[in-house]
Amino acid sequence: MIKTVSQSEFARQMGVTPGYINKLIKTGVLKLQDGKIDPLKGKKALQGAIDHGGHGGKRVKQPVSLTLLEARTAKETALATLRDLEAKEKQGELINKDELLFSLKDLFLTVRSRLMQLPVKVAGQICHLAKHEDRAESKVIALLTGEINELLREFSNYIGPQIGPKTGGDKDK
């Protein structure tokens, strides 16, 4: 004997409204047996209605499925993650990638510029040492080493373009 269920019970099992099941019955997608629905046949018919957009050329509204619930859950999870990242950025725990790249480029260009100026800065001193000093080679090496160390000390304390948390206090007036 085939076990049949009421329209409302079938709707509950399928995760749709009883009104939707009634609409499918009226359009001929679902067949009743003594006023009730065979769950196995009904499920196949319901899936066919979803896959083919209805019966007899009539468009049938698709029921809410678990995939919609999963999509909503994924959306809420993504929004929560985004809010968490925004909070961390405002607290200074995260840095914007573009701002960081800009700051690094500024640092590298500054280092390059300062290193390129080094020969001009020490050329006169090197010439003087070469003409007037004994053991000029070791003094030139000491001079260059001192200048390079000074540049490295400056860059160890380098503060480039400010990056970090966004504040509302810097708005144009």
N, C-alpha and C. Protein backbone atom coordinates (compact mmCIF):
# COMPACT_ATOMS: atom_id res chain seq x y z
N MET A 1 0.84 -1.19 0.00
CA MET A 1 0.00 0.00 0.00
C MET A 1 0.88 1.25 0.00
N ILE A 2 0.52 2.20 -0.84
CA ILE A 2 1.26 3.45 -0.98
C ILE A 2 0.84 4.38 0.15
N LYS A 3 1.85 4.91 0.84
CA LYS A 3 1.56 5.85 1.92
C LYS A 3 1.43 7.25 1.32
N THR A 4 0.33 7.89 1.55
CA THR A 4 0.12 9.25 1.06
C THR A 4 0.06 10.20 2.24
N VAL A 5 0.30 11.48 1.96
CA VAL A 5 0.29 12.49 3.02
C VAL A 5 -0.58 13.67 2.57
N SER A 6 -0.96 14.47 3.53
CA SER A 6 -1.77 15.65 3.21
C SER A 6 -0.93 16.68 2.47
N GLN A 7 -1.63 17.63 1.84
CA GLN A 7 -0.93 18.68 1.10
C GLN A 7 -0.02 19.49 2.04
N SER A 8 -0.52 19.82 3.21
CA SER A 8 0.28 20.62 4.14
C SER A 8 1.49 19.84 4.65
N GLU A 9 1.33 18.53 4.90
CA GLU A 9 2.45 17.72 5.34
C GLU A 9 3.50 17.61 4.23
N PHE A 10 3.05 17.42 2.99
CA PHE A 10 3.97 17.34 1.86
C PHE A 10 4.72 18.67 1.71
N ALA A 11 4.01 19.79 1.85
CA ALA A 11 4.64 21.10 1.76
C ALA A 11 5.72 21.25 2.83
N ARG A 12 5.41 20.82 4.05
CA ARG A 12 6.37 20.89 5.15
C ARG A 12 7.61 20.06 4.83
N GLN A 13 7.41 18.84 4.32
CA GLN A 13 8.51 17.95 3.99
C GLN A 13 9.40 18.54 2.89
N MET A 14 8.79 19.22 1.95
CA MET A 14 9.54 19.77 0.82
C MET A 14 10.10 21.17 1.10
N GLY A 15 9.71 21.76 2.21
CA GLY A 15 10.21 23.10 2.56
C GLY A 15 9.56 24.21 1.77
N VAL A 16 8.30 24.01 1.37
CA VAL A 16 7.58 25.04 0.62
C VAL A 16 6.26 25.32 1.35
N THR A 17 5.55 26.32 0.86
CA THR A 17 4.28 26.67 1.50
C THR A 17 3.16 25.78 0.95
N PRO A 18 2.11 25.56 1.76
CA PRO A 18 0.96 24.82 1.26
C PRO A 18 0.32 25.49 0.05
N GLY A 19 0.36 26.82 0.00
CA GLY A 19 -0.19 27.54 -1.14
C GLY A 19 0.56 27.20 -2.43
N TYR A 20 1.84 27.02 -2.33
CA TYR A 20 2.64 26.65 -3.50
C TYR A 20 2.26 25.25 -3.97
N ILE A 21 2.07 24.32 -3.03
CA ILE A 21 1.65 22.96 -3.39
C ILE A 21 0.28 23.01 -4.06
N ASN A 22 -0.64 23.80 -3.52
CA ASN A 22 -1.97 23.95 -4.11
C ASN A 22 -1.87 24.48 -5.54
N LYS A 23 -0.97 25.43 -5.78
CA LYS A 23 -0.78 25.97 -7.12
C LYS A 23 -0.28 24.89 -8.08
N LEU A 24 0.64 24.05 -7.60
CA LEU A 24 1.16 22.96 -8.44
C LEU A 24 0.07 21.94 -8.76
N ILE A 25 -0.83 21.72 -7.82
CA ILE A 25 -1.94 20.80 -8.06
C ILE A 25 -2.87 21.40 -9.12
N LYS A 26 -3.18 22.69 -9.00
CA LYS A 26 -4.07 23.34 -9.96
C LYS A 26 -3.48 23.37 -11.36
N THR A 27 -2.16 23.50 -11.47
CA THR A 27 -1.53 23.54 -12.79
C THR A 27 -1.27 22.14 -13.34
N GLY A 28 -1.55 21.13 -12.53
CA GLY A 28 -1.41 19.75 -12.99
C GLY A 28 -0.04 19.15 -12.78
N VAL A 29 0.85 19.86 -12.11
CA VAL A 29 2.18 19.34 -11.85
C VAL A 29 2.12 18.20 -10.84
N LEU A 30 1.32 18.39 -9.80
CA LEU A 30 1.13 17.36 -8.78
C LEU A 30 -0.25 16.72 -8.95
N LYS A 31 -0.31 15.41 -8.73
CA LYS A 31 -1.57 14.66 -8.82
C LYS A 31 -1.97 14.19 -7.42
N LEU A 32 -3.26 14.32 -7.13
CA LEU A 32 -3.79 13.85 -5.85
C LEU A 32 -4.32 12.43 -5.99
N GLN A 33 -4.21 11.66 -4.91
CA GLN A 33 -4.80 10.34 -4.82
C GLN A 33 -5.70 10.35 -3.59
N ASP A 34 -7.00 10.36 -3.81
CA ASP A 34 -7.96 10.45 -2.72
C ASP A 34 -7.70 11.67 -1.84
N GLY A 35 -7.36 12.81 -2.49
CA GLY A 35 -7.16 14.07 -1.77
C GLY A 35 -5.80 14.20 -1.10
N LYS A 36 -4.94 13.21 -1.30
CA LYS A 36 -3.60 13.25 -0.68
C LYS A 36 -2.53 13.08 -1.75
N ILE A 37 -1.26 13.26 -1.34
CA ILE A 37 -0.14 13.22 -2.28
C ILE A 37 0.78 12.05 -1.92
N ASP A 38 1.20 11.30 -2.95
CA ASP A 38 2.21 10.26 -2.78
C ASP A 38 3.56 11.00 -2.70
N PRO A 39 4.27 10.94 -1.58
CA PRO A 39 5.50 11.73 -1.41
C PRO A 39 6.56 11.42 -2.46
N LEU A 40 6.71 10.16 -2.86
CA LEU A 40 7.74 9.82 -3.85
C LEU A 40 7.43 10.42 -5.22
N LYS A 41 6.20 10.24 -5.68
CA LYS A 41 5.80 10.81 -6.98
C LYS A 41 5.77 12.33 -6.90
N GLY A 42 5.31 12.84 -5.76
CA GLY A 42 5.24 14.29 -5.59
C GLY A 42 6.62 14.94 -5.63
N LYS A 43 7.59 14.28 -5.00
CA LYS A 43 8.94 14.84 -4.99
C LYS A 43 9.51 14.88 -6.41
N LYS A 44 9.30 13.80 -7.17
CA LYS A 44 9.77 13.76 -8.56
C LYS A 44 9.09 14.85 -9.39
N ALA A 45 7.78 14.99 -9.21
CA ALA A 45 7.04 16.00 -9.96
C ALA A 45 7.49 17.40 -9.57
N LEU A 46 7.72 17.59 -8.29
CA LEU A 46 8.17 18.90 -7.81
C LEU A 46 9.55 19.22 -8.40
N GLN A 47 10.45 18.25 -8.41
CA GLN A 47 11.77 18.46 -9.00
C GLN A 47 11.65 18.75 -10.50
N GLY A 48 10.75 18.06 -11.18
CA GLY A 48 10.53 18.31 -12.61
C GLY A 48 10.03 19.73 -12.85
N ALA A 49 9.15 20.20 -11.96
CA ALA A 49 8.63 21.56 -12.09
C ALA A 49 9.76 22.58 -11.92
N ILE A 50 10.66 22.28 -11.01
CA ILE A 50 11.79 23.18 -10.78
C ILE A 50 12.73 23.15 -11.99
N ASP A 51 13.04 21.93 -12.48
CA ASP A 51 13.97 21.79 -13.60
C ASP A 51 13.44 22.36 -14.90
N HIS A 52 12.15 22.24 -15.14
CA HIS A 52 11.59 22.65 -16.42
C HIS A 52 10.74 23.91 -16.35
N GLY A 53 10.67 24.52 -15.21
CA GLY A 53 9.94 25.79 -15.10
C GLY A 53 8.44 25.63 -15.14
N GLY A 54 7.92 24.45 -14.88
CA GLY A 54 6.47 24.29 -14.81
C GLY A 54 5.96 23.16 -15.66
N HIS A 55 4.66 23.16 -15.91
CA HIS A 55 4.00 22.09 -16.64
C HIS A 55 3.12 22.71 -17.71
N GLY A 56 3.15 22.14 -18.88
CA GLY A 56 2.27 22.62 -19.95
C GLY A 56 2.59 24.03 -20.38
N GLY A 57 3.87 24.42 -20.29
CA GLY A 57 4.26 25.77 -20.72
C GLY A 57 3.99 26.83 -19.67
N LYS A 58 3.36 26.46 -18.56
CA LYS A 58 3.09 27.44 -17.50
C LYS A 58 4.32 27.55 -16.60
N ARG A 59 4.66 28.76 -16.25
CA ARG A 59 5.81 28.99 -15.38
C ARG A 59 5.38 28.78 -13.94
N VAL A 60 6.12 27.94 -13.22
CA VAL A 60 5.83 27.65 -11.83
C VAL A 60 6.96 28.20 -10.98
N LYS A 61 6.61 28.93 -9.94
CA LYS A 61 7.60 29.51 -9.05
C LYS A 61 8.38 28.42 -8.33
N GLN A 62 9.72 28.58 -8.29
CA GLN A 62 10.54 27.60 -7.63
C GLN A 62 10.47 27.77 -6.11
N PRO A 63 10.48 26.65 -5.39
CA PRO A 63 10.43 26.76 -3.93
C PRO A 63 11.78 27.22 -3.38
N VAL A 64 11.74 27.73 -2.15
CA VAL A 64 12.96 28.08 -1.46
C VAL A 64 13.67 26.78 -1.14
N SER A 65 14.95 26.69 -1.52
CA SER A 65 15.68 25.45 -1.31
C SER A 65 16.78 25.65 -0.29
N LEU A 66 17.41 24.57 0.06
CA LEU A 66 18.53 24.65 0.98
C LEU A 66 19.66 25.47 0.39
N THR A 67 19.78 25.49 -0.93
CA THR A 67 20.84 26.28 -1.54
C THR A 67 20.64 27.76 -1.26
N LEU A 68 19.42 28.22 -1.17
CA LEU A 68 19.16 29.61 -0.82
C LEU A 68 19.60 29.86 0.62
N LEU A 69 19.27 28.94 1.50
CA LEU A 69 19.70 29.07 2.89
C LEU A 69 21.22 29.07 2.98
N GLU A 70 21.86 28.20 2.21
CA GLU A 70 23.32 28.15 2.20
C GLU A 70 23.89 29.46 1.65
N ALA A 71 23.24 30.00 0.63
CA ALA A 71 23.72 31.26 0.04
C ALA A 71 23.59 32.40 1.05
N ARG A 72 22.48 32.43 1.75
CA ARG A 72 22.30 33.48 2.78
C ARG A 72 23.32 33.33 3.89
N THR A 73 23.57 32.09 4.30
CA THR A 73 24.57 31.85 5.34
C THR A 73 25.94 32.30 4.87
N ALA A 74 26.30 31.96 3.64
CA ALA A 74 27.59 32.37 3.09
C ALA A 74 27.69 33.89 3.01
N LYS A 75 26.59 34.54 2.62
CA LYS A 75 26.59 36.00 2.52
C LYS A 75 26.81 36.62 3.90
N GLU A 76 26.09 36.14 4.90
CA GLU A 76 26.22 36.68 6.25
C GLU A 76 27.62 36.42 6.81
N THR A 77 28.18 35.26 6.50
CA THR A 77 29.54 34.96 6.95
C THR A 77 30.54 35.91 6.30
N ALA A 78 30.37 36.15 5.00
CA ALA A 78 31.27 37.06 4.29
C ALA A 78 31.13 38.49 4.83
N LEU A 79 29.91 38.92 5.10
CA LEU A 79 29.71 40.26 5.65
C LEU A 79 30.34 40.39 7.04
N ALA A 80 30.22 39.35 7.85
CA ALA A 80 30.82 39.37 9.18
C ALA A 80 32.34 39.44 9.08
N THR A 81 32.91 38.69 8.14
CA THR A 81 34.36 38.71 7.92
C THR A 81 34.80 40.10 7.47
N LEU A 82 34.04 40.70 6.56
CA LEU A 82 34.35 42.04 6.07
C LEU A 82 34.31 43.06 7.20
N ARG A 83 33.28 42.99 8.04
CA ARG A 83 33.18 43.92 9.18
C ARG A 83 34.35 43.73 10.13
N ASP A 84 34.77 42.48 10.34
CA ASP A 84 35.91 42.19 11.20
C ASP A 84 37.18 42.78 10.63
N LEU A 85 37.39 42.64 9.32
CA LEU A 85 38.58 43.20 8.67
C LEU A 85 38.58 44.73 8.75
N GLU A 86 37.41 45.34 8.54
CA GLU A 86 37.32 46.80 8.62
C GLU A 86 37.64 47.28 10.03
N ALA A 87 37.16 46.56 11.04
CA ALA A 87 37.44 46.93 12.43
C ALA A 87 38.94 46.81 12.72
N LYS A 88 39.56 45.75 12.25
CA LYS A 88 41.00 45.56 12.47
C LYS A 88 41.80 46.65 11.76
N GLU A 89 41.35 47.06 10.56
CA GLU A 89 42.04 48.12 9.84
C GLU A 89 41.94 49.44 10.60
N LYS A 90 40.76 49.73 11.13
CA LYS A 90 40.57 50.98 11.89
C LYS A 90 41.38 50.97 13.18
N GLN A 91 41.60 49.79 13.75
CA GLN A 91 42.38 49.68 14.98
C GLN A 91 43.88 49.66 14.71
N GLY A 92 44.25 49.66 13.43
CA GLY A 92 45.65 49.67 13.07
C GLY A 92 46.28 48.29 13.02
N GLU A 93 45.47 47.24 13.09
CA GLU A 93 46.01 45.88 13.04
C GLU A 93 46.24 45.43 11.60
N LEU A 94 45.59 46.07 10.64
CA LEU A 94 45.76 45.74 9.22
C LEU A 94 46.13 47.01 8.47
N ILE A 95 46.90 46.83 7.41
CA ILE A 95 47.30 47.96 6.57
C ILE A 95 46.80 47.69 5.16
N ASN A 96 46.28 48.72 4.54
CA ASN A 96 45.82 48.62 3.16
C ASN A 96 47.00 48.31 2.25
N LYS A 97 46.84 47.32 1.40
CA LYS A 97 47.92 46.87 0.51
C LYS A 97 48.42 48.00 -0.38
N ASP A 98 47.54 48.78 -0.98
CA ASP A 98 47.95 49.87 -1.86
C ASP A 98 48.74 50.93 -1.11
N GLU A 99 48.30 51.25 0.11
CA GLU A 99 49.03 52.23 0.92
C GLU A 99 50.41 51.72 1.29
N LEU A 100 50.50 50.43 1.63
CA LEU A 100 51.78 49.84 1.97
C LEU A 100 52.73 49.86 0.77
N LEU A 101 52.22 49.48 -0.40
CA LEU A 101 53.06 49.50 -1.61
C LEU A 101 53.54 50.92 -1.92
N PHE A 102 52.67 51.90 -1.75
CA PHE A 102 53.05 53.29 -1.98
C PHE A 102 54.17 53.69 -1.03
N SER A 103 54.02 53.33 0.24
CA SER A 103 55.03 53.68 1.24
C SER A 103 56.37 53.00 0.94
N LEU A 104 56.32 51.74 0.54
CA LEU A 104 57.56 51.02 0.20
C LEU A 104 58.23 51.63 -1.02
N LYS A 105 57.45 51.98 -2.03
CA LYS A 105 58.02 52.63 -3.22
C LYS A 105 58.68 53.95 -2.84
N ASP A 106 58.04 54.71 -1.95
CA ASP A 106 58.60 55.97 -1.49
C ASP A 106 59.93 55.72 -0.78
N LEU A 107 59.96 54.70 0.08
CA LEU A 107 61.19 54.36 0.78
C LEU A 107 62.30 53.99 -0.19
N PHE A 108 62.00 53.11 -1.15
CA PHE A 108 63.03 52.67 -2.09
C PHE A 108 63.53 53.83 -2.96
N LEU A 109 62.62 54.69 -3.38
CA LEU A 109 63.06 55.84 -4.17
C LEU A 109 63.93 56.79 -3.35
N THR A 110 63.60 56.96 -2.09
CA THR A 110 64.39 57.82 -1.22
C THR A 110 65.78 57.21 -0.99
N VAL A 111 65.82 55.90 -0.73
CA VAL A 111 67.11 55.21 -0.55
C VAL A 111 67.95 55.35 -1.80
N ARG A 112 67.36 55.10 -2.94
CA ARG A 112 68.08 55.19 -4.21
C ARG A 112 68.63 56.61 -4.41
N SER A 113 67.79 57.59 -4.19
CA SER A 113 68.20 58.98 -4.38
C SER A 113 69.38 59.33 -3.47
N ARG A 114 69.28 58.94 -2.20
CA ARG A 114 70.35 59.26 -1.24
C ARG A 114 71.64 58.53 -1.58
N LEU A 115 71.53 57.28 -2.04
CA LEU A 115 72.74 56.54 -2.43
C LEU A 115 73.38 57.14 -3.67
N MET A 116 72.55 57.61 -4.59
CA MET A 116 73.09 58.24 -5.81
C MET A 116 73.79 59.56 -5.48
N GLN A 117 73.41 60.24 -4.41
CA GLN A 117 74.04 61.50 -4.00
C GLN A 117 75.37 61.27 -3.27
N LEU A 118 75.58 60.06 -2.78
CA LEU A 118 76.77 59.77 -1.97
C LEU A 118 78.08 60.06 -2.69
N PRO A 119 78.27 59.63 -3.94
CA PRO A 119 79.55 59.94 -4.60
C PRO A 119 79.82 61.45 -4.72
N VAL A 120 78.80 62.22 -5.02
CA VAL A 120 78.97 63.67 -5.13
C VAL A 120 79.33 64.26 -3.78
N LYS A 121 78.70 63.75 -2.74
CA LYS A 121 78.93 64.28 -1.39
C LYS A 121 80.36 64.03 -0.92
N VAL A 122 80.93 62.88 -1.23
CA VAL A 122 82.25 62.53 -0.69
C VAL A 122 83.38 62.70 -1.71
N ALA A 123 83.09 63.06 -2.94
CA ALA A 123 84.12 63.16 -3.98
C ALA A 123 85.25 64.11 -3.59
N GLY A 124 84.88 65.26 -3.10
CA GLY A 124 85.91 66.25 -2.71
C GLY A 124 86.78 65.74 -1.59
N GLN A 125 86.18 65.10 -0.61
CA GLN A 125 86.95 64.57 0.52
C GLN A 125 87.89 63.45 0.05
N ILE A 126 87.41 62.62 -0.87
CA ILE A 126 88.24 61.53 -1.37
C ILE A 126 89.43 62.08 -2.14
N CYS A 127 89.18 63.09 -2.96
CA CYS A 127 90.28 63.72 -3.72
C CYS A 127 91.31 64.31 -2.75
N HIS A 128 90.83 64.98 -1.72
CA HIS A 128 91.74 65.58 -0.74
C HIS A 128 92.57 64.50 -0.04
N LEU A 129 91.89 63.41 0.38
CA LEU A 129 92.61 62.32 1.03
C LEU A 129 93.63 61.68 0.10
N ALA A 130 93.28 61.51 -1.16
CA ALA A 130 94.17 60.87 -2.12
C ALA A 130 95.43 61.71 -2.35
N LYS A 131 95.31 63.04 -2.31
CA LYS A 131 96.45 63.94 -2.59
C LYS A 131 97.31 64.17 -1.35
N HIS A 132 96.71 64.26 -0.19
CA HIS A 132 97.42 64.77 0.97
C HIS A 132 97.61 63.77 2.12
N GLU A 133 97.11 62.60 2.03
CA GLU A 133 97.18 61.69 3.17
C GLU A 133 97.95 60.43 2.81
N ASP A 134 98.70 59.93 3.81
CA ASP A 134 99.30 58.61 3.69
C ASP A 134 98.20 57.60 3.99
N ARG A 135 98.33 56.46 3.44
CA ARG A 135 97.34 55.39 3.65
C ARG A 135 95.95 55.90 3.29
N ALA A 136 95.83 56.58 2.17
CA ALA A 136 94.57 57.17 1.72
C ALA A 136 93.50 56.11 1.49
N GLU A 137 93.94 54.94 1.03
CA GLU A 137 92.95 53.88 0.74
C GLU A 137 92.15 53.51 1.98
N SER A 138 92.79 53.31 3.09
CA SER A 138 92.07 52.93 4.31
C SER A 138 91.20 54.08 4.80
N LYS A 139 91.64 55.32 4.61
CA LYS A 139 90.85 56.48 5.03
C LYS A 139 89.63 56.67 4.12
N VAL A 140 89.77 56.39 2.83
CA VAL A 140 88.64 56.46 1.89
C VAL A 140 87.61 55.39 2.26
N ILE A 141 88.11 54.20 2.56
CA ILE A 141 87.20 53.12 2.98
C ILE A 141 86.47 53.50 4.25
N ALA A 142 87.17 54.07 5.20
CA ALA A 142 86.55 54.50 6.46
C ALA A 142 85.52 55.60 6.21
N LEU A 143 85.87 56.55 5.33
CA LEU A 143 84.94 57.64 4.99
C LEU A 143 83.66 57.10 4.37
N LEU A 144 83.81 56.21 3.35
CA LEU A 144 82.63 55.63 2.69
C LEU A 144 81.81 54.78 3.66
N THR A 145 82.48 54.01 4.49
CA THR A 145 81.78 53.17 5.47
C THR A 145 80.99 54.04 6.44
N GLY A 146 81.59 55.13 6.89
CA GLY A 146 80.90 56.04 7.80
C GLY A 146 79.67 56.68 7.16
N GLU A 147 79.81 57.11 5.91
CA GLU A 147 78.68 57.72 5.20
C GLU A 147 77.55 56.71 4.97
N ILE A 148 77.92 55.51 4.58
CA ILE A 148 76.90 54.46 4.36
C ILE A 148 76.20 54.13 5.67
N ASN A 149 76.96 54.00 6.75
CA ASN A 149 76.34 53.72 8.06
C ASN A 149 75.40 54.84 8.49
N GLU A 150 75.77 56.08 8.20
CA GLU A 150 74.90 57.22 8.53
C GLU A 150 73.58 57.13 7.75
N LEU A 151 73.66 56.79 6.46
CA LEU A 151 72.44 56.63 5.65
C LEU A 151 71.57 55.50 6.21
N LEU A 152 72.21 54.40 6.57
CA LEU A 152 71.45 53.27 7.11
C LEU A 152 70.78 53.63 8.44
N ARG A 153 71.47 54.41 9.28
CA ARG A 153 70.84 54.87 10.54
C ARG A 153 69.61 55.74 10.26
N GLU A 154 69.75 56.62 9.27
CA GLU A 154 68.61 57.48 8.89
C GLU A 154 67.43 56.63 8.42
N PHE A 155 67.71 55.61 7.61
CA PHE A 155 66.62 54.80 7.08
C PHE A 155 66.04 53.85 8.12
N SER A 156 66.81 53.54 9.15
CA SER A 156 66.24 52.69 10.21
C SER A 156 65.17 53.44 10.98
N ASN A 157 65.22 54.77 10.94
CA ASN A 157 64.21 55.60 11.60
C ASN A 157 63.28 56.27 10.59
N TYR A 158 63.26 55.76 9.36
CA TYR A 158 62.50 56.37 8.27
C TYR A 158 61.01 56.37 8.58
N ILE A 159 60.39 57.50 8.40
CA ILE A 159 58.94 57.60 8.51
C ILE A 159 58.45 58.18 7.19
N GLY A 160 57.85 57.31 6.41
CA GLY A 160 57.37 57.71 5.10
C GLY A 160 55.95 58.23 5.18
N PRO A 161 55.25 58.19 4.06
CA PRO A 161 53.84 58.60 4.04
C PRO A 161 53.07 57.78 5.09
N GLN A 162 52.24 58.45 5.83
CA GLN A 162 51.50 57.78 6.89
C GLN A 162 50.44 56.85 6.34
N ILE A 163 50.48 55.61 6.82
CA ILE A 163 49.46 54.64 6.46
C ILE A 163 48.90 54.09 7.75
N GLY A 164 47.72 53.53 7.66
CA GLY A 164 47.14 52.94 8.86
C GLY A 164 45.69 53.26 8.99
N PRO A 165 45.21 53.34 10.25
CA PRO A 165 43.78 53.51 10.47
C PRO A 165 43.26 54.81 9.90
N LYS A 166 42.07 54.73 9.35
CA LYS A 166 41.40 55.91 8.82
C LYS A 166 40.69 56.62 9.98
N THR A 167 40.82 57.93 10.00
CA THR A 167 40.10 58.69 11.02
C THR A 167 39.24 59.73 10.35
N GLY A 168 38.19 60.14 11.02
CA GLY A 168 37.29 61.13 10.46
C GLY A 168 37.78 62.54 10.68
N GLY A 169 38.89 62.74 11.45
CA GLY A 169 39.35 64.07 11.79
C GLY A 169 40.11 64.78 10.70
N ASP A 170 40.47 64.11 9.61
CA ASP A 170 41.28 64.72 8.57
C ASP A 170 40.47 65.17 7.37
N LYS A 171 39.20 65.41 7.54
CA LYS A 171 38.35 65.80 6.41
C LYS A 171 38.63 67.24 6.01
N ASP A 172 38.47 67.52 4.72
CA ASP A 172 38.64 68.89 4.23
C ASP A 172 37.55 69.78 4.80
N LYS A 173 37.94 71.01 5.11
CA LYS A 173 36.95 71.93 5.69
C LYS A 173 36.55 72.95 4.66
